[in-house]
Amino acid sequence: MYFDVVLLLINASTLSIPFPTPSLASTAHLALSVDAELSPLVRRAFEVKGDVLQVNYAATTNRMLRVAVNGFIESVGVVIGVMKDLDVDVVYEPVTESLEGVQGLDVPKVKG
């Protein structure tokens, strides 16, 4: 006998994670979307809205939702940590220094 399996996703959560720039939000999206959810009982969708990475979660149970979101938050911490380690200015404050004198950089091409 054949039965259709219908997944009832009744538990949902939306996470909004702000970043200093839209570019960093997009980079985080690309880094975090590589890993699929481990459980077929959990669904996740990403959306970048300006400098905010929005993540929508849905799961069959509260427990599944909690476990999935907790794991995702750990991954976000790793991504932000890497951003911070690679360029402190990116995470903490906008870069205000001039690009004049940077070896190998053609400043007129960068400005416009």
N, C-alpha and C. Protein backbone atom coordinates (compact mmCIF):
# COMPACT_ATOMS: atom_id res chain seq x y z
N MET A 1 0.83 -1.17 0.00
CA MET A 1 0.00 0.00 0.00
C MET A 1 0.89 1.25 0.00
N TYR A 2 0.49 2.27 -0.72
CA TYR A 2 1.27 3.50 -0.85
C TYR A 2 0.59 4.63 -0.09
N PHE A 3 1.36 5.31 0.73
CA PHE A 3 0.84 6.46 1.48
C PHE A 3 1.70 7.68 1.16
N ASP A 4 1.06 8.80 0.94
CA ASP A 4 1.79 10.06 0.79
C ASP A 4 2.19 10.54 2.18
N VAL A 5 3.43 10.93 2.30
CA VAL A 5 3.91 11.47 3.57
C VAL A 5 3.81 12.99 3.49
N VAL A 6 3.08 13.56 4.42
CA VAL A 6 2.92 15.01 4.47
C VAL A 6 3.65 15.49 5.71
N LEU A 7 4.58 16.41 5.51
CA LEU A 7 5.35 16.96 6.61
C LEU A 7 4.61 18.17 7.16
N LEU A 8 4.24 18.11 8.41
CA LEU A 8 3.53 19.21 9.04
C LEU A 8 4.53 20.02 9.85
N LEU A 9 4.91 21.18 9.31
CA LEU A 9 5.88 22.05 9.96
C LEU A 9 5.13 23.13 10.72
N ILE A 10 4.92 22.88 12.00
CA ILE A 10 4.09 23.78 12.79
C ILE A 10 4.89 24.72 13.69
N ASN A 11 6.16 24.44 13.87
CA ASN A 11 7.00 25.27 14.73
C ASN A 11 7.93 26.08 13.85
N ALA A 12 7.88 27.39 13.97
CA ALA A 12 8.67 28.23 13.09
C ALA A 12 9.36 29.34 13.88
N SER A 13 10.46 29.82 13.30
CA SER A 13 11.22 30.90 13.91
C SER A 13 11.93 31.67 12.81
N THR A 14 12.04 32.98 12.98
CA THR A 14 12.79 33.81 12.04
C THR A 14 13.90 34.51 12.80
N LEU A 15 15.12 34.36 12.29
CA LEU A 15 16.29 35.01 12.88
C LEU A 15 16.69 36.16 11.98
N SER A 16 16.94 37.32 12.54
CA SER A 16 17.45 38.47 11.79
C SER A 16 18.81 38.83 12.36
N ILE A 17 19.84 38.67 11.53
CA ILE A 17 21.21 38.86 11.98
C ILE A 17 21.79 40.07 11.24
N PRO A 18 22.01 41.19 11.95
CA PRO A 18 22.54 42.39 11.28
C PRO A 18 24.06 42.30 11.09
N PHE A 19 24.53 42.85 9.97
CA PHE A 19 25.95 42.94 9.68
C PHE A 19 26.28 44.40 9.38
N PRO A 20 27.56 44.77 9.46
CA PRO A 20 27.92 46.17 9.20
C PRO A 20 27.61 46.63 7.77
N THR A 21 27.67 45.70 6.80
CA THR A 21 27.42 46.08 5.41
C THR A 21 26.59 45.00 4.71
N PRO A 22 25.91 45.36 3.63
CA PRO A 22 25.20 44.35 2.84
C PRO A 22 26.13 43.29 2.27
N SER A 23 27.35 43.69 1.94
CA SER A 23 28.32 42.73 1.40
C SER A 23 28.65 41.64 2.42
N LEU A 24 28.82 42.02 3.66
CA LEU A 24 29.11 41.02 4.70
C LEU A 24 27.91 40.12 4.96
N ALA A 25 26.71 40.68 4.90
CA ALA A 25 25.51 39.85 5.06
C ALA A 25 25.43 38.82 3.93
N SER A 26 25.75 39.24 2.72
CA SER A 26 25.74 38.33 1.58
C SER A 26 26.83 37.27 1.70
N THR A 27 28.00 37.66 2.17
CA THR A 27 29.09 36.71 2.38
C THR A 27 28.70 35.67 3.43
N ALA A 28 28.09 36.11 4.51
CA ALA A 28 27.63 35.18 5.55
C ALA A 28 26.59 34.22 4.98
N HIS A 29 25.69 34.74 4.16
CA HIS A 29 24.68 33.88 3.52
C HIS A 29 25.35 32.79 2.70
N LEU A 30 26.33 33.17 1.88
CA LEU A 30 27.02 32.19 1.05
C LEU A 30 27.75 31.15 1.89
N ALA A 31 28.37 31.58 2.97
CA ALA A 31 29.11 30.65 3.83
C ALA A 31 28.18 29.71 4.59
N LEU A 32 27.05 30.23 5.06
CA LEU A 32 26.15 29.42 5.90
C LEU A 32 25.20 28.55 5.10
N SER A 33 24.92 28.90 3.86
CA SER A 33 23.95 28.13 3.09
C SER A 33 24.54 26.86 2.47
N VAL A 34 25.84 26.69 2.58
CA VAL A 34 26.49 25.51 2.01
C VAL A 34 26.03 24.22 2.71
N ASP A 35 25.89 24.29 4.02
CA ASP A 35 25.51 23.10 4.78
C ASP A 35 24.00 22.92 4.80
N ALA A 36 23.56 21.76 4.35
CA ALA A 36 22.13 21.44 4.38
C ALA A 36 21.74 21.05 5.81
N GLU A 37 20.47 21.17 6.11
CA GLU A 37 19.97 20.72 7.41
C GLU A 37 20.17 19.21 7.52
N LEU A 38 20.54 18.76 8.70
CA LEU A 38 20.80 17.33 8.89
C LEU A 38 19.52 16.51 8.96
N SER A 39 18.43 17.12 9.38
CA SER A 39 17.18 16.40 9.53
C SER A 39 16.19 16.78 8.43
N PRO A 40 15.51 15.81 7.86
CA PRO A 40 14.47 16.13 6.89
C PRO A 40 13.23 16.75 7.54
N LEU A 41 13.21 16.79 8.86
CA LEU A 41 12.08 17.36 9.59
C LEU A 41 12.24 18.86 9.85
N VAL A 42 13.31 19.43 9.33
CA VAL A 42 13.60 20.85 9.52
C VAL A 42 13.81 21.50 8.15
N ARG A 43 13.23 22.67 7.97
CA ARG A 43 13.41 23.45 6.74
C ARG A 43 14.00 24.81 7.10
N ARG A 44 14.90 25.28 6.22
CA ARG A 44 15.56 26.56 6.46
C ARG A 44 15.61 27.33 5.14
N ALA A 45 15.33 28.63 5.20
CA ALA A 45 15.39 29.50 4.01
C ALA A 45 16.11 30.79 4.38
N PHE A 46 16.99 31.23 3.49
CA PHE A 46 17.77 32.45 3.71
C PHE A 46 17.24 33.57 2.84
N GLU A 47 17.41 34.80 3.35
CA GLU A 47 17.11 35.99 2.56
C GLU A 47 18.00 37.12 3.08
N VAL A 48 18.63 37.83 2.17
CA VAL A 48 19.44 38.99 2.56
C VAL A 48 18.63 40.24 2.25
N LYS A 49 18.40 41.03 3.29
CA LYS A 49 17.67 42.29 3.16
C LYS A 49 18.59 43.42 3.59
N GLY A 50 19.29 43.99 2.60
CA GLY A 50 20.26 45.04 2.92
C GLY A 50 21.41 44.45 3.72
N ASP A 51 21.63 44.98 4.91
CA ASP A 51 22.73 44.48 5.75
C ASP A 51 22.26 43.45 6.78
N VAL A 52 21.06 42.90 6.59
CA VAL A 52 20.51 41.91 7.52
C VAL A 52 20.34 40.57 6.82
N LEU A 53 20.88 39.53 7.45
CA LEU A 53 20.67 38.17 6.98
C LEU A 53 19.47 37.62 7.74
N GLN A 54 18.42 37.29 7.00
CA GLN A 54 17.21 36.76 7.62
C GLN A 54 17.15 35.26 7.33
N VAL A 55 16.92 34.48 8.37
CA VAL A 55 16.86 33.03 8.24
C VAL A 55 15.53 32.55 8.82
N ASN A 56 14.76 31.89 7.99
CA ASN A 56 13.47 31.35 8.43
C ASN A 56 13.60 29.85 8.65
N TYR A 57 13.23 29.43 9.83
CA TYR A 57 13.25 28.02 10.20
C TYR A 57 11.84 27.51 10.41
N ALA A 58 11.61 26.26 10.04
CA ALA A 58 10.36 25.57 10.35
C ALA A 58 10.71 24.12 10.67
N ALA A 59 10.02 23.55 11.66
CA ALA A 59 10.30 22.18 12.08
C ALA A 59 9.02 21.52 12.58
N THR A 60 9.09 20.21 12.67
CA THR A 60 7.91 19.46 13.11
C THR A 60 7.68 19.55 14.61
N THR A 61 8.75 19.74 15.38
CA THR A 61 8.61 19.83 16.84
C THR A 61 9.44 20.99 17.38
N ASN A 62 9.10 21.43 18.56
CA ASN A 62 9.88 22.48 19.21
C ASN A 62 11.32 22.03 19.43
N ARG A 63 11.50 20.79 19.80
CA ARG A 63 12.84 20.26 20.05
C ARG A 63 13.69 20.30 18.78
N MET A 64 13.13 19.86 17.66
CA MET A 64 13.86 19.88 16.40
C MET A 64 14.23 21.32 16.01
N LEU A 65 13.31 22.24 16.24
CA LEU A 65 13.57 23.66 15.94
C LEU A 65 14.70 24.19 16.82
N ARG A 66 14.65 23.88 18.10
CA ARG A 66 15.68 24.35 19.04
C ARG A 66 17.05 23.81 18.68
N VAL A 67 17.13 22.52 18.39
CA VAL A 67 18.42 21.90 18.05
C VAL A 67 18.98 22.51 16.76
N ALA A 68 18.14 22.69 15.76
CA ALA A 68 18.58 23.26 14.49
C ALA A 68 19.06 24.70 14.65
N VAL A 69 18.29 25.51 15.37
CA VAL A 69 18.66 26.92 15.56
C VAL A 69 19.93 27.03 16.40
N ASN A 70 20.07 26.22 17.44
CA ASN A 70 21.29 26.26 18.25
C ASN A 70 22.52 25.95 17.42
N GLY A 71 22.44 24.92 16.58
CA GLY A 71 23.56 24.58 15.71
C GLY A 71 23.87 25.70 14.73
N PHE A 72 22.83 26.32 14.21
CA PHE A 72 23.01 27.42 13.26
C PHE A 72 23.69 28.61 13.94
N ILE A 73 23.27 28.93 15.16
CA ILE A 73 23.87 30.06 15.90
C ILE A 73 25.36 29.81 16.12
N GLU A 74 25.74 28.57 16.40
CA GLU A 74 27.17 28.26 16.54
C GLU A 74 27.90 28.52 15.22
N SER A 75 27.30 28.15 14.11
CA SER A 75 27.91 28.39 12.80
C SER A 75 28.04 29.87 12.51
N VAL A 76 27.02 30.65 12.88
CA VAL A 76 27.09 32.11 12.70
C VAL A 76 28.25 32.67 13.50
N GLY A 77 28.45 32.18 14.70
CA GLY A 77 29.57 32.63 15.53
C GLY A 77 30.91 32.36 14.87
N VAL A 78 31.03 31.20 14.22
CA VAL A 78 32.27 30.87 13.52
C VAL A 78 32.49 31.82 12.34
N VAL A 79 31.43 32.07 11.56
CA VAL A 79 31.55 32.95 10.39
C VAL A 79 31.94 34.37 10.83
N ILE A 80 31.30 34.89 11.86
CA ILE A 80 31.63 36.23 12.35
C ILE A 80 33.05 36.26 12.91
N GLY A 81 33.44 35.19 13.59
CA GLY A 81 34.81 35.11 14.12
C GLY A 81 35.85 35.15 13.01
N VAL A 82 35.58 34.44 11.90
CA VAL A 82 36.50 34.46 10.76
C VAL A 82 36.53 35.85 10.15
N MET A 83 35.37 36.49 10.00
CA MET A 83 35.34 37.86 9.47
C MET A 83 36.18 38.78 10.35
N LYS A 84 36.04 38.63 11.65
CA LYS A 84 36.78 39.47 12.59
C LYS A 84 38.27 39.19 12.51
N ASP A 85 38.65 37.92 12.45
CA ASP A 85 40.07 37.56 12.40
C ASP A 85 40.74 38.00 11.10
N LEU A 86 40.00 37.93 10.00
CA LEU A 86 40.60 38.30 8.72
C LEU A 86 40.70 39.80 8.53
N ASP A 87 39.78 40.55 9.10
CA ASP A 87 39.82 42.00 8.96
C ASP A 87 39.04 42.64 10.11
N VAL A 88 39.76 43.06 11.12
CA VAL A 88 39.14 43.63 12.32
C VAL A 88 38.25 44.82 11.98
N ASP A 89 38.70 45.65 11.03
CA ASP A 89 37.93 46.85 10.67
C ASP A 89 36.56 46.49 10.10
N VAL A 90 36.45 45.36 9.45
CA VAL A 90 35.19 44.98 8.82
C VAL A 90 34.09 44.79 9.85
N VAL A 91 34.42 44.19 10.96
CA VAL A 91 33.39 43.88 11.96
C VAL A 91 33.13 45.04 12.90
N TYR A 92 34.16 45.79 13.26
CA TYR A 92 34.00 46.78 14.31
C TYR A 92 33.66 48.19 13.83
N GLU A 93 34.24 48.63 12.74
CA GLU A 93 33.98 50.00 12.30
C GLU A 93 34.32 50.13 10.82
N PRO A 94 33.71 51.12 10.15
CA PRO A 94 34.01 51.30 8.73
C PRO A 94 35.45 51.77 8.51
N VAL A 95 36.02 51.37 7.39
CA VAL A 95 37.37 51.78 7.05
C VAL A 95 37.34 53.21 6.55
N THR A 96 38.16 54.06 7.15
CA THR A 96 38.19 55.47 6.76
C THR A 96 39.53 55.86 6.16
N GLU A 97 40.52 54.95 6.17
CA GLU A 97 41.85 55.26 5.65
C GLU A 97 41.82 55.32 4.13
N SER A 98 42.74 56.07 3.59
CA SER A 98 42.89 56.18 2.14
C SER A 98 43.57 54.93 1.60
N LEU A 99 43.34 54.63 0.35
CA LEU A 99 44.00 53.51 -0.31
C LEU A 99 45.28 53.96 -1.02
N GLU A 100 45.62 55.23 -0.87
CA GLU A 100 46.85 55.75 -1.48
C GLU A 100 48.06 54.98 -0.93
N GLY A 101 48.96 54.61 -1.84
CA GLY A 101 50.20 53.95 -1.43
C GLY A 101 50.10 52.45 -1.26
N VAL A 102 48.93 51.86 -1.48
CA VAL A 102 48.81 50.41 -1.37
C VAL A 102 49.45 49.79 -2.59
N GLN A 103 50.43 48.94 -2.35
CA GLN A 103 51.18 48.34 -3.45
C GLN A 103 50.29 47.48 -4.34
N GLY A 104 50.39 47.71 -5.65
CA GLY A 104 49.65 46.91 -6.61
C GLY A 104 48.20 47.33 -6.80
N LEU A 105 47.79 48.42 -6.18
CA LEU A 105 46.41 48.87 -6.29
C LEU A 105 46.34 50.13 -7.14
N ASP A 106 45.53 50.08 -8.18
CA ASP A 106 45.34 51.24 -9.03
C ASP A 106 44.16 52.04 -8.46
N VAL A 107 44.44 53.09 -7.70
CA VAL A 107 43.41 53.85 -6.98
C VAL A 107 42.34 54.42 -7.89
N PRO A 108 42.66 54.99 -9.07
CA PRO A 108 41.57 55.51 -9.93
C PRO A 108 40.57 54.43 -10.33
N LYS A 109 41.02 53.20 -10.55
CA LYS A 109 40.09 52.13 -10.91
C LYS A 109 39.20 51.76 -9.74
N VAL A 110 39.73 51.83 -8.52
CA VAL A 110 38.95 51.48 -7.33
C VAL A 110 37.89 52.54 -7.08
N LYS A 111 38.21 53.82 -7.27
CA LYS A 111 37.28 54.90 -6.97
C LYS A 111 36.13 54.99 -7.96
N GLY A 112 36.31 54.54 -9.14
CA GLY A 112 35.19 54.75 -10.00
C GLY A 112 35.17 53.97 -11.22
